[in-house]
Structures are given as C-alpha cells and as structure tokens.
C-alpha cells in the first residue's frame, strides 16, 4: 500500500523533538551502507547511538539492499565496527533472494551477475548457481559479436552488485533472461552506492538491471527495498512487528523512504550517505505526487546526531 500524502519532515534537533521521536516506535529497521558505515568505516558515533537504542529496549533489524555478503559475513562486519547484532536481525538481499526462490519451489540452476553473498545464500537452501567472479569463457568475443553456449538448466538470473562486470557476463545475463521460462530477479535496484570520496560514482545493481531490461524488454522482479516482499521476509521472522510502531532509518530517499511508505512505516532520513537535505526539499516541493513518497517523517545529519 502506498501513501501519497506528502510528509512534513521534522528535524531531530532538540531534546523535546527527539523524546517525541523515540516514543513513536518499538522496532528499528536500519539500512547499512551510508547509515552505519561508508565502505569499511563506521559513520562516526553511530555504533554508540544504535547500541544506545538497543539498551533502551528498541528492537533492531538490519535491512540492507546490499547482496555482496552472507548474513554471517554481515554479522562479522557489524561486530568489527562496534555494533551489537544477532543472526535473526540480519536481512541482506542475498538472503531474501534465497528465501524467495525457496518459497516458490524453484528447481534449476541460477546465473548470478553479482557477488558471492548471493551464491552462498543460494547454496544454503540447496540451489545451484554459477557466474560469480571473472568470466574466463574462451569463446569468440570480437566487438559486436558474442559466441557462447547456454546452460539449459538455468531457470533464473539474479542481479546484484558485481565489480567484475564484463561484456561477456552482460551478454549471458541478457540471453538467459530473454528465454520465456527464465526468471529475471533483481536483488535490489539501487542505481548507486555511497562513495567515500566526493565526486566518485559507484554504479549499483540498478544500472545493470536497467541495461538488461532495455535489451530484453523483460521487467525484473525486485526483492529488496522499496518493495513489499522484503518486509514480508522480516515479518516472517518477527511476527510481532507492528508497522505503525516501526521506524525505517535510511540514507536513500528513493529507496528507504519509499520502502517505509509502501509498508506503512515511519521514516527517518539520515544525511550521512546518498541523499542530501537539498534532495529532500526538492522531493517535498515537487509537483509529482510520486516524489512525495520519498519525503521522510524525520531527518538528521546522522544517527549519531539524534542521540547526542
């Protein structure tokens, strides 16, 4: 369900406002990239702030579109950076992808244009996959020409972040997706990832998804934010979660805030990652009602500033 009202975002810049904010939720759904860390460094003060929320009785869920790692690998990173975390709180899209395919009784092999987090989570539920890593197929790859054999067992293509993307891999993904029987799954559709250096753009899975959709004319099934299946996964593990008493904390206005609206959650935008204060204002003042879905209920410079 989408809420087309335009929120009037409130700055968390006073004790009274923060007290009001803290009394409005029991569950915290927290994005990771750009909120908890940028690349491999914690956002200053945020481990202490999130751990403080936990000590106040708030229940924490790590809800990330990042599919590069398994839940265990995310757990190790969280703990290394000073965050308290438990396995049933971890929801990367590598996990939601595996859960989705298992839930529909998928049989066959998966071609992964992505990272090992996806292939490892698929293996845990008994699904074979291939494609992760550099493509070393010794076939004819002259400019404008692609020559390779398709594996008839492939019944799905899954797209995630792939820093070894190449023309052969893109050609294979498009060729599999074009087949009528093959599912086209996006672990998420984020166009970019936060960069530790200003001016450096880091293309995300959304860029590859758009390219494959343009080539094949086939629309992807997105299993991450801002869709509803991702929240269904969380509810399955945490059936007591009440959307009206849940806050989504994220840096990406077009993903995290829309996810909140789509699932009836309250939203907090932290400006430590992708989205900026100016972006938020532009969405609020837009004449397009769909842009209003990107406007948060609350905003702050970072999660650390909320509890300072």
C-alpha atoms as a PDB file:
ATOM      1  CA  UNK A   1       0.000   0.000   0.000  1.00  0.00           C
ATOM      2  CA  UNK A   2       1.383   3.394  -0.963  1.00  0.00           C
ATOM      3  CA  UNK A   3       0.747   6.608   0.913  1.00  0.00           C
ATOM      4  CA  UNK A   4       0.657   9.592  -1.409  1.00  0.00           C
ATOM      5  CA  UNK A   5       0.474  12.173   1.346  1.00  0.00           C
ATOM      6  CA  UNK A   6       3.484  14.463   1.481  1.00  0.00           C
ATOM      7  CA  UNK A   7       5.122  14.342   4.889  1.00  0.00           C
ATOM      8  CA  UNK A   8       6.243  17.500   6.632  1.00  0.00           C
ATOM      9  CA  UNK A   9       9.714  16.323   7.704  1.00  0.00           C
ATOM     10  CA  UNK A  10      10.763  17.259  11.215  1.00  0.00           C
ATOM     11  CA  UNK A  11      14.367  17.940  12.161  1.00  0.00           C
ATOM     12  CA  UNK A  12      15.592  15.961  15.170  1.00  0.00           C
ATOM     13  CA  UNK A  13      17.406  18.954  16.595  1.00  0.00           C
ATOM     14  CA  UNK A  14      16.002  19.350  20.113  1.00  0.00           C
ATOM     15  CA  UNK A  15      15.535  17.176  23.186  1.00  0.00           C
ATOM     16  CA  UNK A  16      11.743  17.587  23.019  1.00  0.00           C
ATOM     17  CA  UNK A  17      11.624  16.525  19.374  1.00  0.00           C
ATOM     18  CA  UNK A  18      13.898  13.527  19.996  1.00  0.00           C
ATOM     19  CA  UNK A  19      11.805  12.434  23.012  1.00  0.00           C
ATOM     20  CA  UNK A  20       8.687  12.568  20.849  1.00  0.00           C
ATOM     21  CA  UNK A  21      10.500  10.606  18.135  1.00  0.00           C
ATOM     22  CA  UNK A  22      11.726   7.864  20.497  1.00  0.00           C
ATOM     23  CA  UNK A  23       8.251   7.316  21.922  1.00  0.00           C
ATOM     24  CA  UNK A  24       6.779   6.592  18.494  1.00  0.00           C
ATOM     25  CA  UNK A  25       8.433   3.256  17.714  1.00  0.00           C
ATOM     26  CA  UNK A  26       9.443  -0.129  19.142  1.00  0.00           C
ATOM     27  CA  UNK A  27      11.215  -1.608  16.109  1.00  0.00           C
ATOM     28  CA  UNK A  28      14.079  -0.013  14.179  1.00  0.00           C
ATOM     29  CA  UNK A  29      14.679  -1.124  10.597  1.00  0.00           C
ATOM     30  CA  UNK A  30      18.140   0.210   9.842  1.00  0.00           C
ATOM     31  CA  UNK A  31      19.821   0.425   6.467  1.00  0.00           C
ATOM     32  CA  UNK A  32      23.580  -0.239   6.500  1.00  0.00           C
ATOM     33  CA  UNK A  33      25.538   1.396   3.657  1.00  0.00           C
ATOM     34  CA  UNK A  34      25.541   5.145   4.197  1.00  0.00           C
ATOM     35  CA  UNK A  35      23.835   4.838   7.601  1.00  0.00           C
ATOM     36  CA  UNK A  36      26.046   2.547   9.686  1.00  0.00           C
ATOM     37  CA  UNK A  37      29.140   2.680   7.512  1.00  0.00           C
ATOM     38  CA  UNK A  38      30.621   4.060   4.305  1.00  0.00           C
ATOM     39  CA  UNK A  39      32.784   1.447   2.611  1.00  0.00           C
ATOM     40  CA  UNK A  40      34.648  -0.156   5.547  1.00  0.00           C
ATOM     41  CA  UNK A  41      34.474   2.668   8.069  1.00  0.00           C
ATOM     42  CA  UNK A  42      31.708   3.214  10.622  1.00  0.00           C
ATOM     43  CA  UNK A  43      29.924   6.558  10.444  1.00  0.00           C
ATOM     44  CA  UNK A  44      31.358   8.390  13.486  1.00  0.00           C
ATOM     45  CA  UNK A  45      29.303   7.921  16.639  1.00  0.00           C
ATOM     46  CA  UNK A  46      26.691   5.682  15.025  1.00  0.00           C
ATOM     47  CA  UNK A  47      27.719   2.371  16.692  1.00  0.00           C
ATOM     48  CA  UNK A  48      27.251   4.004  20.070  1.00  0.00           C
ATOM     49  CA  UNK A  49      23.946   5.577  19.021  1.00  0.00           C
ATOM     50  CA  UNK A  50      22.427   2.354  17.669  1.00  0.00           C
ATOM     51  CA  UNK A  51      23.628   0.366  20.663  1.00  0.00           C
ATOM     52  CA  UNK A  52      22.022   3.015  22.874  1.00  0.00           C
ATOM     53  CA  UNK A  53      18.678   2.499  21.125  1.00  0.00           C
ATOM     54  CA  UNK A  54      19.021  -1.222  21.812  1.00  0.00           C
ATOM     55  CA  UNK A  55      19.750  -0.570  25.507  1.00  0.00           C
ATOM     56  CA  UNK A  56      16.535   1.498  25.632  1.00  0.00           C
ATOM     57  CA  UNK A  57      14.548  -1.589  24.616  1.00  0.00           C
ATOM     58  CA  UNK A  58      14.244  -0.880  20.905  1.00  0.00           C
ATOM     59  CA  UNK A  59      14.370  -3.963  18.674  1.00  0.00           C
ATOM     60  CA  UNK A  60      16.885  -3.638  15.837  1.00  0.00           C
ATOM     61  CA  UNK A  61      16.648  -5.088  12.320  1.00  0.00           C
ATOM     62  CA  UNK A  62      19.453  -4.609   9.806  1.00  0.00           C
ATOM     63  CA  UNK A  63      17.611  -4.218   6.487  1.00  0.00           C
ATOM     64  CA  UNK A  64      20.051  -3.683   3.625  1.00  0.00           C
ATOM     65  CA  UNK A  65      19.842  -3.892  -0.147  1.00  0.00           C
ATOM     66  CA  UNK A  66      23.480  -4.952  -0.162  1.00  0.00           C
ATOM     67  CA  UNK A  67      23.763  -8.504  -1.538  1.00  0.00           C
ATOM     68  CA  UNK A  68      27.550  -8.830  -1.582  1.00  0.00           C
ATOM     69  CA  UNK A  69      27.766 -10.732   1.698  1.00  0.00           C
ATOM     70  CA  UNK A  70      26.023 -13.544   3.558  1.00  0.00           C
ATOM     71  CA  UNK A  71      24.326 -12.930   6.884  1.00  0.00           C
ATOM     72  CA  UNK A  72      27.355 -14.363   8.688  1.00  0.00           C
ATOM     73  CA  UNK A  73      29.686 -12.026   6.818  1.00  0.00           C
ATOM     74  CA  UNK A  74      27.493  -9.034   7.645  1.00  0.00           C
ATOM     75  CA  UNK A  75      27.494 -10.127  11.275  1.00  0.00           C
ATOM     76  CA  UNK A  76      31.300 -10.143  11.309  1.00  0.00           C
ATOM     77  CA  UNK A  77      31.439  -6.646   9.786  1.00  0.00           C
ATOM     78  CA  UNK A  78      28.893  -5.240  12.227  1.00  0.00           C
ATOM     79  CA  UNK A  79      30.744  -6.603  15.233  1.00  0.00           C
ATOM     80  CA  UNK A  80      34.120  -5.455  13.889  1.00  0.00           C
ATOM     81  CA  UNK A  81      32.770  -1.896  13.619  1.00  0.00           C
ATOM     82  CA  UNK A  82      31.352  -1.950  17.142  1.00  0.00           C
ATOM     83  CA  UNK A  83      27.678  -2.828  16.567  1.00  0.00           C
ATOM     84  CA  UNK A  84      25.741  -5.344  18.617  1.00  0.00           C
ATOM     85  CA  UNK A  85      23.934  -7.756  16.299  1.00  0.00           C
ATOM     86  CA  UNK A  86      22.246 -11.173  16.237  1.00  0.00           C
ATOM     87  CA  UNK A  87      21.638 -13.515  13.318  1.00  0.00           C
ATOM     88  CA  UNK A  88      17.836 -13.212  13.284  1.00  0.00           C
ATOM     89  CA  UNK A  89      18.217  -9.430  12.910  1.00  0.00           C
ATOM     90  CA  UNK A  90      20.144  -9.630   9.612  1.00  0.00           C
ATOM     91  CA  UNK A  91      18.295  -9.186   6.327  1.00  0.00           C
ATOM     92  CA  UNK A  92      20.578  -8.590   3.343  1.00  0.00           C
ATOM     93  CA  UNK A  93      19.019  -9.081  -0.101  1.00  0.00           C
ATOM     94  CA  UNK A  94      21.309 -12.056  -0.717  1.00  0.00           C
ATOM     95  CA  UNK A  95      19.208 -13.756   1.975  1.00  0.00           C
ATOM     96  CA  UNK A  96      15.824 -12.511   0.724  1.00  0.00           C
ATOM     97  CA  UNK A  97      16.687 -13.764  -2.766  1.00  0.00           C
ATOM     98  CA  UNK A  98      17.407 -17.261  -1.489  1.00  0.00           C
ATOM     99  CA  UNK A  99      14.248 -17.240   0.643  1.00  0.00           C
ATOM    100  CA  UNK A 100      12.136 -16.137  -2.317  1.00  0.00           C
ATOM    101  CA  UNK A 101      13.362 -18.859  -4.668  1.00  0.00           C
ATOM    102  CA  UNK A 102      12.979 -21.493  -1.987  1.00  0.00           C
ATOM    103  CA  UNK A 103       9.448 -20.301  -1.150  1.00  0.00           C
ATOM    104  CA  UNK A 104       8.251 -20.734  -4.747  1.00  0.00           C
ATOM    105  CA  UNK A 105       9.761 -24.219  -5.041  1.00  0.00           C
ATOM    106  CA  UNK A 106      12.357 -23.200  -7.610  1.00  0.00           C
ATOM    107  CA  UNK A 107      14.137 -26.034  -9.384  1.00  0.00           C
ATOM    108  CA  UNK A 108      17.066 -25.485 -11.671  1.00  0.00           C
ATOM    109  CA  UNK A 109      20.263 -23.502 -11.771  1.00  0.00           C
ATOM    110  CA  UNK A 110      20.759 -19.745 -11.309  1.00  0.00           C
ATOM    111  CA  UNK A 111      23.040 -17.488 -13.313  1.00  0.00           C
ATOM    112  CA  UNK A 112      24.342 -14.836 -10.915  1.00  0.00           C
ATOM    113  CA  UNK A 113      25.558 -11.487 -12.146  1.00  0.00           C
ATOM    114  CA  UNK A 114      26.641 -10.411  -8.705  1.00  0.00           C
ATOM    115  CA  UNK A 115      28.822 -11.286  -5.734  1.00  0.00           C
ATOM    116  CA  UNK A 116      29.439 -14.381  -3.649  1.00  0.00           C
ATOM    117  CA  UNK A 117      26.898 -13.378  -0.975  1.00  0.00           C
ATOM    118  CA  UNK A 118      24.118 -14.435  -3.352  1.00  0.00           C
ATOM    119  CA  UNK A 119      25.670 -17.727  -4.438  1.00  0.00           C
ATOM    120  CA  UNK A 120      26.479 -18.694  -0.837  1.00  0.00           C
ATOM    121  CA  UNK A 121      22.950 -17.952   0.409  1.00  0.00           C
ATOM    122  CA  UNK A 122      21.501 -19.901  -2.526  1.00  0.00           C
ATOM    123  CA  UNK A 123      23.708 -22.866  -1.669  1.00  0.00           C
ATOM    124  CA  UNK A 124      22.367 -22.842   1.891  1.00  0.00           C
ATOM    125  CA  UNK A 125      18.855 -23.558   0.583  1.00  0.00           C
ATOM    126  CA  UNK A 126      20.066 -26.158  -1.906  1.00  0.00           C
ATOM    127  CA  UNK A 127      20.038 -24.093  -5.110  1.00  0.00           C
ATOM    128  CA  UNK A 128      22.930 -24.397  -7.571  1.00  0.00           C
ATOM    129  CA  UNK A 129      24.340 -21.253  -9.161  1.00  0.00           C
ATOM    130  CA  UNK A 130      27.274 -20.034 -11.235  1.00  0.00           C
ATOM    131  CA  UNK A 131      28.619 -16.821 -12.743  1.00  0.00           C
ATOM    132  CA  UNK A 132      30.259 -15.126  -9.740  1.00  0.00           C
ATOM    133  CA  UNK A 133      33.774 -13.828 -10.429  1.00  0.00           C
ATOM    134  CA  UNK A 134      35.631 -13.036 -13.622  1.00  0.00           C
ATOM    135  CA  UNK A 135      34.266 -14.599 -16.812  1.00  0.00           C
ATOM    136  CA  UNK A 136      37.054 -16.596 -18.456  1.00  0.00           C
ATOM    137  CA  UNK A 137      34.969 -18.296 -21.155  1.00  0.00           C
ATOM    138  CA  UNK A 138      37.411 -18.974 -24.048  1.00  0.00           C
ATOM    139  CA  UNK A 139      34.953 -18.119 -26.792  1.00  0.00           C
ATOM    140  CA  UNK A 140      34.798 -15.588 -29.604  1.00  0.00           C
ATOM    141  CA  UNK A 141      34.269 -12.080 -28.187  1.00  0.00           C
ATOM    142  CA  UNK A 142      35.085  -9.858 -31.128  1.00  0.00           C
ATOM    143  CA  UNK A 143      33.494  -6.368 -30.970  1.00  0.00           C
ATOM    144  CA  UNK A 144      29.773  -6.611 -31.620  1.00  0.00           C
ATOM    145  CA  UNK A 145      29.830 -10.394 -31.545  1.00  0.00           C
ATOM    146  CA  UNK A 146      29.118 -12.901 -28.779  1.00  0.00           C
ATOM    147  CA  UNK A 147      29.541 -16.648 -29.075  1.00  0.00           C
ATOM    148  CA  UNK A 148      28.792 -18.996 -26.196  1.00  0.00           C
ATOM    149  CA  UNK A 149      26.580 -21.931 -25.217  1.00  0.00           C
ATOM    150  CA  UNK A 150      23.597 -21.504 -22.899  1.00  0.00           C
ATOM    151  CA  UNK A 151      23.104 -23.895 -19.996  1.00  0.00           C
ATOM    152  CA  UNK A 152      19.602 -25.413 -20.418  1.00  0.00           C
ATOM    153  CA  UNK A 153      19.289 -25.892 -16.652  1.00  0.00           C
ATOM    154  CA  UNK A 154      19.269 -22.162 -15.929  1.00  0.00           C
ATOM    155  CA  UNK A 155      15.813 -21.100 -14.768  1.00  0.00           C
ATOM    156  CA  UNK A 156      16.646 -17.735 -13.193  1.00  0.00           C
ATOM    157  CA  UNK A 157      19.067 -14.846 -13.472  1.00  0.00           C
ATOM    158  CA  UNK A 158      19.817 -12.923 -10.278  1.00  0.00           C
ATOM    159  CA  UNK A 159      21.397  -9.478 -10.399  1.00  0.00           C
ATOM    160  CA  UNK A 160      23.413  -7.991  -7.546  1.00  0.00           C
ATOM    161  CA  UNK A 161      26.469  -5.787  -7.197  1.00  0.00           C
ATOM    162  CA  UNK A 162      29.278  -7.055  -9.444  1.00  0.00           C
ATOM    163  CA  UNK A 163      32.624  -5.259  -9.560  1.00  0.00           C
ATOM    164  CA  UNK A 164      33.790  -7.735 -12.213  1.00  0.00           C
ATOM    165  CA  UNK A 165      31.015  -6.886 -14.662  1.00  0.00           C
ATOM    166  CA  UNK A 166      32.048  -7.509 -18.256  1.00  0.00           C
ATOM    167  CA  UNK A 167      30.532  -7.645 -21.719  1.00  0.00           C
ATOM    168  CA  UNK A 168      30.506 -11.495 -21.734  1.00  0.00           C
ATOM    169  CA  UNK A 169      28.657 -11.570 -18.389  1.00  0.00           C
ATOM    170  CA  UNK A 170      26.140  -8.963 -19.512  1.00  0.00           C
ATOM    171  CA  UNK A 171      25.561 -10.808 -22.796  1.00  0.00           C
ATOM    172  CA  UNK A 172      24.967 -14.092 -20.973  1.00  0.00           C
ATOM    173  CA  UNK A 173      22.575 -12.488 -18.483  1.00  0.00           C
ATOM    174  CA  UNK A 174      20.568 -10.917 -21.308  1.00  0.00           C
ATOM    175  CA  UNK A 175      20.493 -14.170 -23.273  1.00  0.00           C
ATOM    176  CA  UNK A 176      19.204 -16.193 -20.331  1.00  0.00           C
ATOM    177  CA  UNK A 177      16.646 -13.552 -19.334  1.00  0.00           C
ATOM    178  CA  UNK A 178      15.265 -13.391 -22.867  1.00  0.00           C
ATOM    179  CA  UNK A 179      14.154 -17.020 -22.642  1.00  0.00           C
ATOM    180  CA  UNK A 180      10.470 -17.328 -21.762  1.00  0.00           C
ATOM    181  CA  UNK A 181      10.994 -19.826 -18.945  1.00  0.00           C
ATOM    182  CA  UNK A 182      13.764 -17.853 -17.221  1.00  0.00           C
ATOM    183  CA  UNK A 183      13.020 -15.638 -14.224  1.00  0.00           C
ATOM    184  CA  UNK A 184      14.678 -12.209 -14.017  1.00  0.00           C
ATOM    185  CA  UNK A 185      15.378 -11.268 -10.396  1.00  0.00           C
ATOM    186  CA  UNK A 186      16.980  -8.108  -9.038  1.00  0.00           C
ATOM    187  CA  UNK A 187      18.302  -8.487  -5.516  1.00  0.00           C
ATOM    188  CA  UNK A 188      17.796  -4.712  -5.495  1.00  0.00           C
ATOM    189  CA  UNK A 189      17.602  -1.840  -7.955  1.00  0.00           C
ATOM    190  CA  UNK A 190      19.840   0.752  -6.296  1.00  0.00           C
ATOM    191  CA  UNK A 191      21.445   2.795  -9.054  1.00  0.00           C
ATOM    192  CA  UNK A 192      24.470   3.833  -6.968  1.00  0.00           C
ATOM    193  CA  UNK A 193      26.281   3.086  -3.715  1.00  0.00           C
ATOM    194  CA  UNK A 194      27.751   5.604  -1.264  1.00  0.00           C
ATOM    195  CA  UNK A 195      31.323   6.580  -2.087  1.00  0.00           C
ATOM    196  CA  UNK A 196      33.990   7.511   0.480  1.00  0.00           C
ATOM    197  CA  UNK A 197      35.342  10.117  -1.966  1.00  0.00           C
ATOM    198  CA  UNK A 198      33.309  13.102  -3.217  1.00  0.00           C
ATOM    199  CA  UNK A 199      32.742  13.098  -6.952  1.00  0.00           C
ATOM    200  CA  UNK A 200      33.369   9.370  -7.392  1.00  0.00           C
ATOM    201  CA  UNK A 201      30.306   7.497  -8.643  1.00  0.00           C
ATOM    202  CA  UNK A 202      29.826   3.826  -7.702  1.00  0.00           C
ATOM    203  CA  UNK A 203      27.233   2.238 -10.050  1.00  0.00           C
ATOM    204  CA  UNK A 204      24.899  -0.210  -8.321  1.00  0.00           C
ATOM    205  CA  UNK A 205      22.814  -3.192  -9.496  1.00  0.00           C
ATOM    206  CA  UNK A 206      20.067  -0.877 -10.763  1.00  0.00           C
ATOM    207  CA  UNK A 207      22.381   0.171 -13.583  1.00  0.00           C
ATOM    208  CA  UNK A 208      22.799  -3.449 -14.743  1.00  0.00           C
ATOM    209  CA  UNK A 209      19.085  -4.173 -14.289  1.00  0.00           C
ATOM    210  CA  UNK A 210      18.134  -1.196 -16.473  1.00  0.00           C
ATOM    211  CA  UNK A 211      20.531  -2.343 -19.189  1.00  0.00           C
ATOM    212  CA  UNK A 212      19.127  -5.896 -19.222  1.00  0.00           C
ATOM    213  CA  UNK A 213      15.536  -4.614 -19.215  1.00  0.00           C
ATOM    214  CA  UNK A 214      16.362  -2.365 -22.183  1.00  0.00           C
ATOM    215  CA  UNK A 215      17.922  -5.244 -24.134  1.00  0.00           C
ATOM    216  CA  UNK A 216      15.325  -7.932 -23.362  1.00  0.00           C
ATOM    217  CA  UNK A 217      12.112  -5.939 -22.859  1.00  0.00           C
ATOM    218  CA  UNK A 218      11.535  -8.022 -19.733  1.00  0.00           C
ATOM    219  CA  UNK A 219      10.836  -6.429 -16.333  1.00  0.00           C
ATOM    220  CA  UNK A 220      12.731  -7.634 -13.288  1.00  0.00           C
ATOM    221  CA  UNK A 221      11.296  -8.932 -10.019  1.00  0.00           C
ATOM    222  CA  UNK A 222      12.871  -6.767  -7.319  1.00  0.00           C
ATOM    223  CA  UNK A 223      13.291  -8.457  -3.932  1.00  0.00           C
ATOM    224  CA  UNK A 224      14.835  -5.592  -1.971  1.00  0.00           C
ATOM    225  CA  UNK A 225      13.643  -2.184  -0.844  1.00  0.00           C
ATOM    226  CA  UNK A 226      11.363  -0.424  -1.717  1.00  0.00           C
ATOM    227  CA  UNK A 227       9.174  -3.476  -2.416  1.00  0.00           C
ATOM    228  CA  UNK A 228       6.876  -5.303  -0.029  1.00  0.00           C
ATOM    229  CA  UNK A 229       8.348  -8.827  -0.271  1.00  0.00           C
ATOM    230  CA  UNK A 230      11.396  -7.668   1.667  1.00  0.00           C
ATOM    231  CA  UNK A 231       9.188  -6.578   4.556  1.00  0.00           C
ATOM    232  CA  UNK A 232       7.268  -9.863   4.323  1.00  0.00           C
ATOM    233  CA  UNK A 233      10.580 -11.688   4.941  1.00  0.00           C
ATOM    234  CA  UNK A 234      11.150  -9.621   8.062  1.00  0.00           C
ATOM    235  CA  UNK A 235       7.593 -10.204   9.315  1.00  0.00           C
ATOM    236  CA  UNK A 236       8.010 -13.956   8.832  1.00  0.00           C
ATOM    237  CA  UNK A 237      10.932 -13.992  11.305  1.00  0.00           C
ATOM    238  CA  UNK A 238       9.492 -11.253  13.561  1.00  0.00           C
ATOM    239  CA  UNK A 239       5.696 -11.777  13.523  1.00  0.00           C
ATOM    240  CA  UNK A 240       5.177  -9.323  16.393  1.00  0.00           C
ATOM    241  CA  UNK A 241       6.419  -6.345  14.380  1.00  0.00           C
ATOM    242  CA  UNK A 242       3.796  -3.589  14.119  1.00  0.00           C
ATOM    243  CA  UNK A 243       4.324  -1.328  11.078  1.00  0.00           C
ATOM    244  CA  UNK A 244       2.737   1.604  12.902  1.00  0.00           C
ATOM    245  CA  UNK A 245       5.314   1.242  15.688  1.00  0.00           C
ATOM    246  CA  UNK A 246       8.291   0.762  13.368  1.00  0.00           C
ATOM    247  CA  UNK A 247      10.798   3.312  12.039  1.00  0.00           C
ATOM    248  CA  UNK A 248      12.788   2.868   8.824  1.00  0.00           C
ATOM    249  CA  UNK A 249      16.153   4.630   9.055  1.00  0.00           C
ATOM    250  CA  UNK A 250      17.948   5.137   5.769  1.00  0.00           C
ATOM    251  CA  UNK A 251      20.057   7.438   3.643  1.00  0.00           C
ATOM    252  CA  UNK A 252      18.466   6.795   0.265  1.00  0.00           C
ATOM    253  CA  UNK A 253      15.295   8.818  -0.236  1.00  0.00           C
ATOM    254  CA  UNK A 254      14.194   6.941  -3.353  1.00  0.00           C
ATOM    255  CA  UNK A 255      14.618   3.528  -1.714  1.00  0.00           C
ATOM    256  CA  UNK A 256      14.459   3.630   2.085  1.00  0.00           C
ATOM    257  CA  UNK A 257      11.790   6.319   2.427  1.00  0.00           C
ATOM    258  CA  UNK A 258       9.631   4.790  -0.318  1.00  0.00           C
ATOM    259  CA  UNK A 259      10.024   1.402   1.367  1.00  0.00           C
ATOM    260  CA  UNK A 260       8.644   2.972   4.526  1.00  0.00           C
ATOM    261  CA  UNK A 261       5.668   4.429   2.688  1.00  0.00           C
ATOM    262  CA  UNK A 262       4.982   1.177   0.816  1.00  0.00           C
ATOM    263  CA  UNK A 263       4.825  -0.770   4.064  1.00  0.00           C
ATOM    264  CA  UNK A 264       3.152   1.748   6.383  1.00  0.00           C
ATOM    265  CA  UNK A 265       6.293   2.542   8.401  1.00  0.00           C
ATOM    266  CA  UNK A 266       7.528   5.793   9.887  1.00  0.00           C
ATOM    267  CA  UNK A 267      10.735   7.088   8.300  1.00  0.00           C
ATOM    268  CA  UNK A 268      13.946   8.855   9.329  1.00  0.00           C
ATOM    269  CA  UNK A 269      16.335  10.152   6.693  1.00  0.00           C
ATOM    270  CA  UNK A 270      19.976  10.432   7.768  1.00  0.00           C
ATOM    271  CA  UNK A 271      22.176  12.510   5.505  1.00  0.00           C
ATOM    272  CA  UNK A 272      25.380  10.531   6.001  1.00  0.00           C
ATOM    273  CA  UNK A 273      25.155   8.605   2.727  1.00  0.00           C
ATOM    274  CA  UNK A 274      23.458   9.107  -0.641  1.00  0.00           C
ATOM    275  CA  UNK A 275      20.560  11.534  -0.080  1.00  0.00           C
ATOM    276  CA  UNK A 276      21.015  15.190   0.882  1.00  0.00           C
ATOM    277  CA  UNK A 277      18.922  17.842   2.593  1.00  0.00           C
ATOM    278  CA  UNK A 278      18.523  19.560  -0.783  1.00  0.00           C
ATOM    279  CA  UNK A 279      17.256  16.338  -2.363  1.00  0.00           C
ATOM    280  CA  UNK A 280      14.670  16.001   0.404  1.00  0.00           C
ATOM    281  CA  UNK A 281      13.445  19.575  -0.104  1.00  0.00           C
ATOM    282  CA  UNK A 282      13.199  19.071  -3.861  1.00  0.00           C
ATOM    283  CA  UNK A 283      11.079  15.942  -3.431  1.00  0.00           C
ATOM    284  CA  UNK A 284       8.818  17.746  -0.971  1.00  0.00           C
ATOM    285  CA  UNK A 285       8.300  20.697  -3.344  1.00  0.00           C
ATOM    286  CA  UNK A 286       7.805  18.520  -6.420  1.00  0.00           C
ATOM    287  CA  UNK A 287       4.511  18.659  -8.281  1.00  0.00           C
ATOM    288  CA  UNK A 288       4.744  14.903  -8.942  1.00  0.00           C
ATOM    289  CA  UNK A 289       2.802  13.024  -6.215  1.00  0.00           C
ATOM    290  CA  UNK A 290       5.126  10.007  -6.620  1.00  0.00           C
ATOM    291  CA  UNK A 291       8.049  12.159  -5.474  1.00  0.00           C
ATOM    292  CA  UNK A 292       6.226  12.751  -2.201  1.00  0.00           C
ATOM    293  CA  UNK A 293       6.790   9.084  -1.347  1.00  0.00           C
ATOM    294  CA  UNK A 294      10.473   9.976  -0.978  1.00  0.00           C
ATOM    295  CA  UNK A 295       9.857  12.563   1.763  1.00  0.00           C
ATOM    296  CA  UNK A 296      10.668  11.330   5.306  1.00  0.00           C
ATOM    297  CA  UNK A 297       8.808  11.973   8.546  1.00  0.00           C
ATOM    298  CA  UNK A 298      12.054  12.966  10.296  1.00  0.00           C
ATOM    299  CA  UNK A 299      15.582  13.887   9.257  1.00  0.00           C
ATOM    300  CA  UNK A 300      19.004  14.286  10.868  1.00  0.00           C
ATOM    301  CA  UNK A 301      22.611  14.747   9.776  1.00  0.00           C
ATOM    302  CA  UNK A 302      23.392  11.231  11.011  1.00  0.00           C
ATOM    303  CA  UNK A 303      22.041   8.744  13.510  1.00  0.00           C
ATOM    304  CA  UNK A 304      24.739   9.851  15.930  1.00  0.00           C
ATOM    305  CA  UNK A 305      23.328  13.406  15.965  1.00  0.00           C
ATOM    306  CA  UNK A 306      19.935  12.130  17.076  1.00  0.00           C
ATOM    307  CA  UNK A 307      21.186  10.884  20.432  1.00  0.00           C
ATOM    308  CA  UNK A 308      23.963  13.373  21.129  1.00  0.00           C
END
